[in-house]
Amino acid sequence: MDPRIVLSDKPDPVPLKEMFALLRSFNDAASGFAYDGEVLVLSLLHPETGEVLGGLYGSTGYGYLHLDMLYVPESLRGTGLGRRLMRQAEAEAIRRGCHGAYLDTFDFQARGFYEKLGYTVFGTLEETPPGHRRFFLSKPLG
């Protein structure tokens, strides 16, 4: 058999879902653990209009919280709001049984912020985007 390879920048959600199911099945068998992934979203909303101002997006699975995105508008930075979002996400991850967290950030973003919260760098990628570095950080929870 010689499978067809199809490239797409707008994937059909059905095959994508099937691909993830195949990988999860393999991972569950190989690791001995069932994937327990759940999305975690904390939204920052304008108190009067409900407009989205920012927030935190991540997921939990295999005992870890993966923080995919944190955005606090410039006008609200330095107020403790980012720290509150992180603490709430970490608390929810612990409630879900997680023992650690990981994330990545660019050199023009918030490495120092995460380090103040106890995260440490475990890896870097150079020249992504060109002229910059991407840092991978982790932290034990609990």
C-alpha atoms as a PDB file:
ATOM      1  CA  MET A   1       0.000   0.000   0.000  1.00  0.00           C
ATOM      2  CA  ASP A   2       1.217   3.503  -0.834  1.00  0.00           C
ATOM      3  CA  PRO A   3      -0.941   6.028   1.089  1.00  0.00           C
ATOM      4  CA  ARG A   4      -1.817   9.377  -0.455  1.00  0.00           C
ATOM      5  CA  ILE A   5      -0.389  12.430   1.304  1.00  0.00           C
ATOM      6  CA  VAL A   6      -2.627  15.515   1.290  1.00  0.00           C
ATOM      7  CA  LEU A   7      -1.391  18.980   2.323  1.00  0.00           C
ATOM      8  CA  SER A   8      -3.906  21.495   3.669  1.00  0.00           C
ATOM      9  CA  ASP A   9      -3.845  24.793   5.504  1.00  0.00           C
ATOM     10  CA  LYS A  10      -7.571  24.415   6.259  1.00  0.00           C
ATOM     11  CA  PRO A  11      -7.934  20.855   7.552  1.00  0.00           C
ATOM     12  CA  ASP A  12     -11.243  19.092   7.681  1.00  0.00           C
ATOM     13  CA  PRO A  13     -12.009  18.629  11.414  1.00  0.00           C
ATOM     14  CA  VAL A  14     -13.108  14.992  10.982  1.00  0.00           C
ATOM     15  CA  PRO A  15      -9.758  13.560   9.789  1.00  0.00           C
ATOM     16  CA  LEU A  16      -7.939  15.809  12.246  1.00  0.00           C
ATOM     17  CA  LYS A  17     -10.021  14.386  15.092  1.00  0.00           C
ATOM     18  CA  GLU A  18      -9.322  10.869  13.833  1.00  0.00           C
ATOM     19  CA  MET A  19      -5.547  11.554  13.687  1.00  0.00           C
ATOM     20  CA  PHE A  20      -5.555  12.768  17.287  1.00  0.00           C
ATOM     21  CA  ALA A  21      -7.551   9.704  18.352  1.00  0.00           C
ATOM     22  CA  LEU A  22      -4.983   7.420  16.705  1.00  0.00           C
ATOM     23  CA  LEU A  23      -2.075   9.202  18.405  1.00  0.00           C
ATOM     24  CA  ARG A  24      -3.824   9.207  21.794  1.00  0.00           C
ATOM     25  CA  SER A  25      -4.536   5.500  21.479  1.00  0.00           C
ATOM     26  CA  PHE A  26      -0.871   4.830  20.731  1.00  0.00           C
ATOM     27  CA  ASN A  27       0.279   7.099  23.573  1.00  0.00           C
ATOM     28  CA  ASP A  28      -2.103   5.499  26.060  1.00  0.00           C
ATOM     29  CA  ALA A  29      -0.862   2.009  25.177  1.00  0.00           C
ATOM     30  CA  ALA A  30       2.813   3.013  25.189  1.00  0.00           C
ATOM     31  CA  SER A  31       2.683   5.054  28.404  1.00  0.00           C
ATOM     32  CA  GLY A  32       0.254   2.901  30.350  1.00  0.00           C
ATOM     33  CA  PHE A  33      -1.860   6.004  31.102  1.00  0.00           C
ATOM     34  CA  ALA A  34      -5.128   7.103  29.561  1.00  0.00           C
ATOM     35  CA  TYR A  35      -5.040  10.649  28.225  1.00  0.00           C
ATOM     36  CA  ASP A  36      -7.135  12.788  30.536  1.00  0.00           C
ATOM     37  CA  GLY A  37      -6.870  16.063  28.607  1.00  0.00           C
ATOM     38  CA  GLU A  38      -9.171  18.955  29.285  1.00  0.00           C
ATOM     39  CA  VAL A  39      -9.109  22.510  27.984  1.00  0.00           C
ATOM     40  CA  LEU A  40      -8.614  25.301  30.535  1.00  0.00           C
ATOM     41  CA  VAL A  41      -9.710  28.849  29.640  1.00  0.00           C
ATOM     42  CA  LEU A  42      -9.781  31.944  31.842  1.00  0.00           C
ATOM     43  CA  SER A  43     -11.266  34.963  30.037  1.00  0.00           C
ATOM     44  CA  LEU A  44     -10.703  38.606  30.924  1.00  0.00           C
ATOM     45  CA  LEU A  45     -13.928  40.451  30.144  1.00  0.00           C
ATOM     46  CA  HIS A  46     -14.752  44.147  30.306  1.00  0.00           C
ATOM     47  CA  PRO A  47     -17.064  44.501  33.336  1.00  0.00           C
ATOM     48  CA  GLU A  48     -19.655  46.622  31.501  1.00  0.00           C
ATOM     49  CA  THR A  49     -19.552  45.507  27.863  1.00  0.00           C
ATOM     50  CA  GLY A  50     -18.418  41.897  28.175  1.00  0.00           C
ATOM     51  CA  GLU A  51     -15.761  42.588  25.524  1.00  0.00           C
ATOM     52  CA  VAL A  52     -12.855  40.132  25.587  1.00  0.00           C
ATOM     53  CA  LEU A  53      -9.749  41.945  26.857  1.00  0.00           C
ATOM     54  CA  GLY A  54      -7.429  38.955  27.114  1.00  0.00           C
ATOM     55  CA  GLY A  55      -7.055  35.813  29.160  1.00  0.00           C
ATOM     56  CA  LEU A  56      -5.328  32.479  29.525  1.00  0.00           C
ATOM     57  CA  TYR A  57      -5.676  29.375  27.383  1.00  0.00           C
ATOM     58  CA  GLY A  58      -4.185  25.985  28.102  1.00  0.00           C
ATOM     59  CA  SER A  59      -4.955  22.365  28.785  1.00  0.00           C
ATOM     60  CA  THR A  60      -4.260  19.645  31.293  1.00  0.00           C
ATOM     61  CA  GLY A  61      -3.269  16.077  30.530  1.00  0.00           C
ATOM     62  CA  TYR A  62      -0.896  13.321  31.660  1.00  0.00           C
ATOM     63  CA  GLY A  63      -0.395  15.155  34.968  1.00  0.00           C
ATOM     64  CA  TYR A  64       0.726  18.473  33.468  1.00  0.00           C
ATOM     65  CA  LEU A  65      -0.748  21.879  32.786  1.00  0.00           C
ATOM     66  CA  HIS A  66       0.311  23.216  29.384  1.00  0.00           C
ATOM     67  CA  LEU A  67      -0.083  26.978  29.152  1.00  0.00           C
ATOM     68  CA  ASP A  68      -0.536  27.840  25.515  1.00  0.00           C
ATOM     69  CA  MET A  69      -1.394  31.538  25.755  1.00  0.00           C
ATOM     70  CA  LEU A  70      -1.582  34.344  28.302  1.00  0.00           C
ATOM     71  CA  TYR A  71      -2.519  37.859  27.283  1.00  0.00           C
ATOM     72  CA  VAL A  72      -3.103  40.856  29.538  1.00  0.00           C
ATOM     73  CA  PRO A  73      -3.658  44.232  27.837  1.00  0.00           C
ATOM     74  CA  GLU A  74      -0.864  46.761  28.324  1.00  0.00           C
ATOM     75  CA  SER A  75      -3.161  49.056  30.299  1.00  0.00           C
ATOM     76  CA  LEU A  76      -3.661  46.309  32.926  1.00  0.00           C
ATOM     77  CA  ARG A  77      -0.092  44.978  33.127  1.00  0.00           C
ATOM     78  CA  GLY A  78       1.626  45.413  36.473  1.00  0.00           C
ATOM     79  CA  THR A  79      -1.663  45.230  38.378  1.00  0.00           C
ATOM     80  CA  GLY A  80      -1.288  41.597  39.456  1.00  0.00           C
ATOM     81  CA  LEU A  81      -3.894  40.397  36.983  1.00  0.00           C
ATOM     82  CA  GLY A  82      -1.480  38.134  35.083  1.00  0.00           C
ATOM     83  CA  ARG A  83      -0.323  36.593  38.356  1.00  0.00           C
ATOM     84  CA  ARG A  84      -3.964  36.007  39.370  1.00  0.00           C
ATOM     85  CA  LEU A  85      -4.686  34.257  36.073  1.00  0.00           C
ATOM     86  CA  MET A  86      -1.612  32.050  36.455  1.00  0.00           C
ATOM     87  CA  ARG A  87      -2.407  31.164  40.068  1.00  0.00           C
ATOM     88  CA  GLN A  88      -6.005  30.324  39.192  1.00  0.00           C
ATOM     89  CA  ALA A  89      -4.901  28.123  36.274  1.00  0.00           C
ATOM     90  CA  GLU A  90      -2.333  26.359  38.476  1.00  0.00           C
ATOM     91  CA  ALA A  91      -4.903  25.810  41.222  1.00  0.00           C
ATOM     92  CA  GLU A  92      -7.342  24.304  38.719  1.00  0.00           C
ATOM     93  CA  ALA A  93      -4.561  22.096  37.314  1.00  0.00           C
ATOM     94  CA  ILE A  94      -3.768  20.814  40.818  1.00  0.00           C
ATOM     95  CA  ARG A  95      -7.494  20.159  41.354  1.00  0.00           C
ATOM     96  CA  ARG A  96      -7.368  18.096  38.130  1.00  0.00           C
ATOM     97  CA  GLY A  97      -4.456  16.070  39.488  1.00  0.00           C
ATOM     98  CA  CYS A  98      -1.535  17.811  37.780  1.00  0.00           C
ATOM     99  CA  HIS A  99       1.921  17.823  39.363  1.00  0.00           C
ATOM    100  CA  GLY A 100       3.641  20.248  36.970  1.00  0.00           C
ATOM    101  CA  ALA A 101       3.201  22.989  34.384  1.00  0.00           C
ATOM    102  CA  TYR A 102       5.051  24.024  31.247  1.00  0.00           C
ATOM    103  CA  LEU A 103       4.906  26.829  28.691  1.00  0.00           C
ATOM    104  CA  ASP A 104       6.952  28.680  26.122  1.00  0.00           C
ATOM    105  CA  THR A 105       7.611  32.392  25.653  1.00  0.00           C
ATOM    106  CA  PHE A 106       9.696  34.559  23.346  1.00  0.00           C
ATOM    107  CA  ASP A 107      12.513  36.884  24.408  1.00  0.00           C
ATOM    108  CA  PHE A 108      10.216  39.857  23.648  1.00  0.00           C
ATOM    109  CA  GLN A 109       7.453  38.500  25.879  1.00  0.00           C
ATOM    110  CA  ALA A 110       7.299  37.586  29.565  1.00  0.00           C
ATOM    111  CA  ARG A 111      10.163  35.271  30.556  1.00  0.00           C
ATOM    112  CA  GLY A 112      10.922  37.313  33.690  1.00  0.00           C
ATOM    113  CA  PHE A 113       7.262  37.279  34.704  1.00  0.00           C
ATOM    114  CA  TYR A 114       7.143  33.476  34.568  1.00  0.00           C
ATOM    115  CA  GLU A 115      10.462  33.131  36.393  1.00  0.00           C
ATOM    116  CA  LYS A 116       9.096  35.302  39.236  1.00  0.00           C
ATOM    117  CA  LEU A 117       6.274  32.747  39.494  1.00  0.00           C
ATOM    118  CA  GLY A 118       8.761  29.894  39.933  1.00  0.00           C
ATOM    119  CA  TYR A 119       9.158  28.683  36.347  1.00  0.00           C
ATOM    120  CA  THR A 120      12.639  27.715  35.142  1.00  0.00           C
ATOM    121  CA  VAL A 121      14.020  27.446  31.620  1.00  0.00           C
ATOM    122  CA  PHE A 122      14.586  23.885  30.406  1.00  0.00           C
ATOM    123  CA  GLY A 123      15.239  24.646  26.742  1.00  0.00           C
ATOM    124  CA  THR A 124      15.616  27.294  24.064  1.00  0.00           C
ATOM    125  CA  LEU A 125      15.213  27.623  20.323  1.00  0.00           C
ATOM    126  CA  GLU A 126      17.401  30.128  18.506  1.00  0.00           C
ATOM    127  CA  GLU A 127      16.287  32.302  15.611  1.00  0.00           C
ATOM    128  CA  THR A 128      12.558  31.807  16.047  1.00  0.00           C
ATOM    129  CA  PRO A 129      11.457  34.246  14.821  1.00  0.00           C
ATOM    130  CA  PRO A 130      14.713  35.363  13.178  1.00  0.00           C
ATOM    131  CA  GLY A 131      16.753  37.507  15.563  1.00  0.00           C
ATOM    132  CA  HIS A 132      14.931  36.167  18.633  1.00  0.00           C
ATOM    133  CA  ARG A 133      14.876  33.240  21.044  1.00  0.00           C
ATOM    134  CA  ARG A 134      12.034  31.064  22.307  1.00  0.00           C
ATOM    135  CA  PHE A 135      12.267  29.786  25.877  1.00  0.00           C
ATOM    136  CA  PHE A 136      10.586  26.677  27.292  1.00  0.00           C
ATOM    137  CA  LEU A 137       9.873  26.801  31.022  1.00  0.00           C
ATOM    138  CA  SER A 138       8.443  24.409  33.588  1.00  0.00           C
ATOM    139  CA  LYS A 139       7.406  24.403  37.218  1.00  0.00           C
ATOM    140  CA  PRO A 140       6.422  21.720  39.706  1.00  0.00           C
ATOM    141  CA  LEU A 141       2.918  22.177  41.137  1.00  0.00           C
ATOM    142  CA  GLY A 142       1.534  21.175  44.473  1.00  0.00           C
END
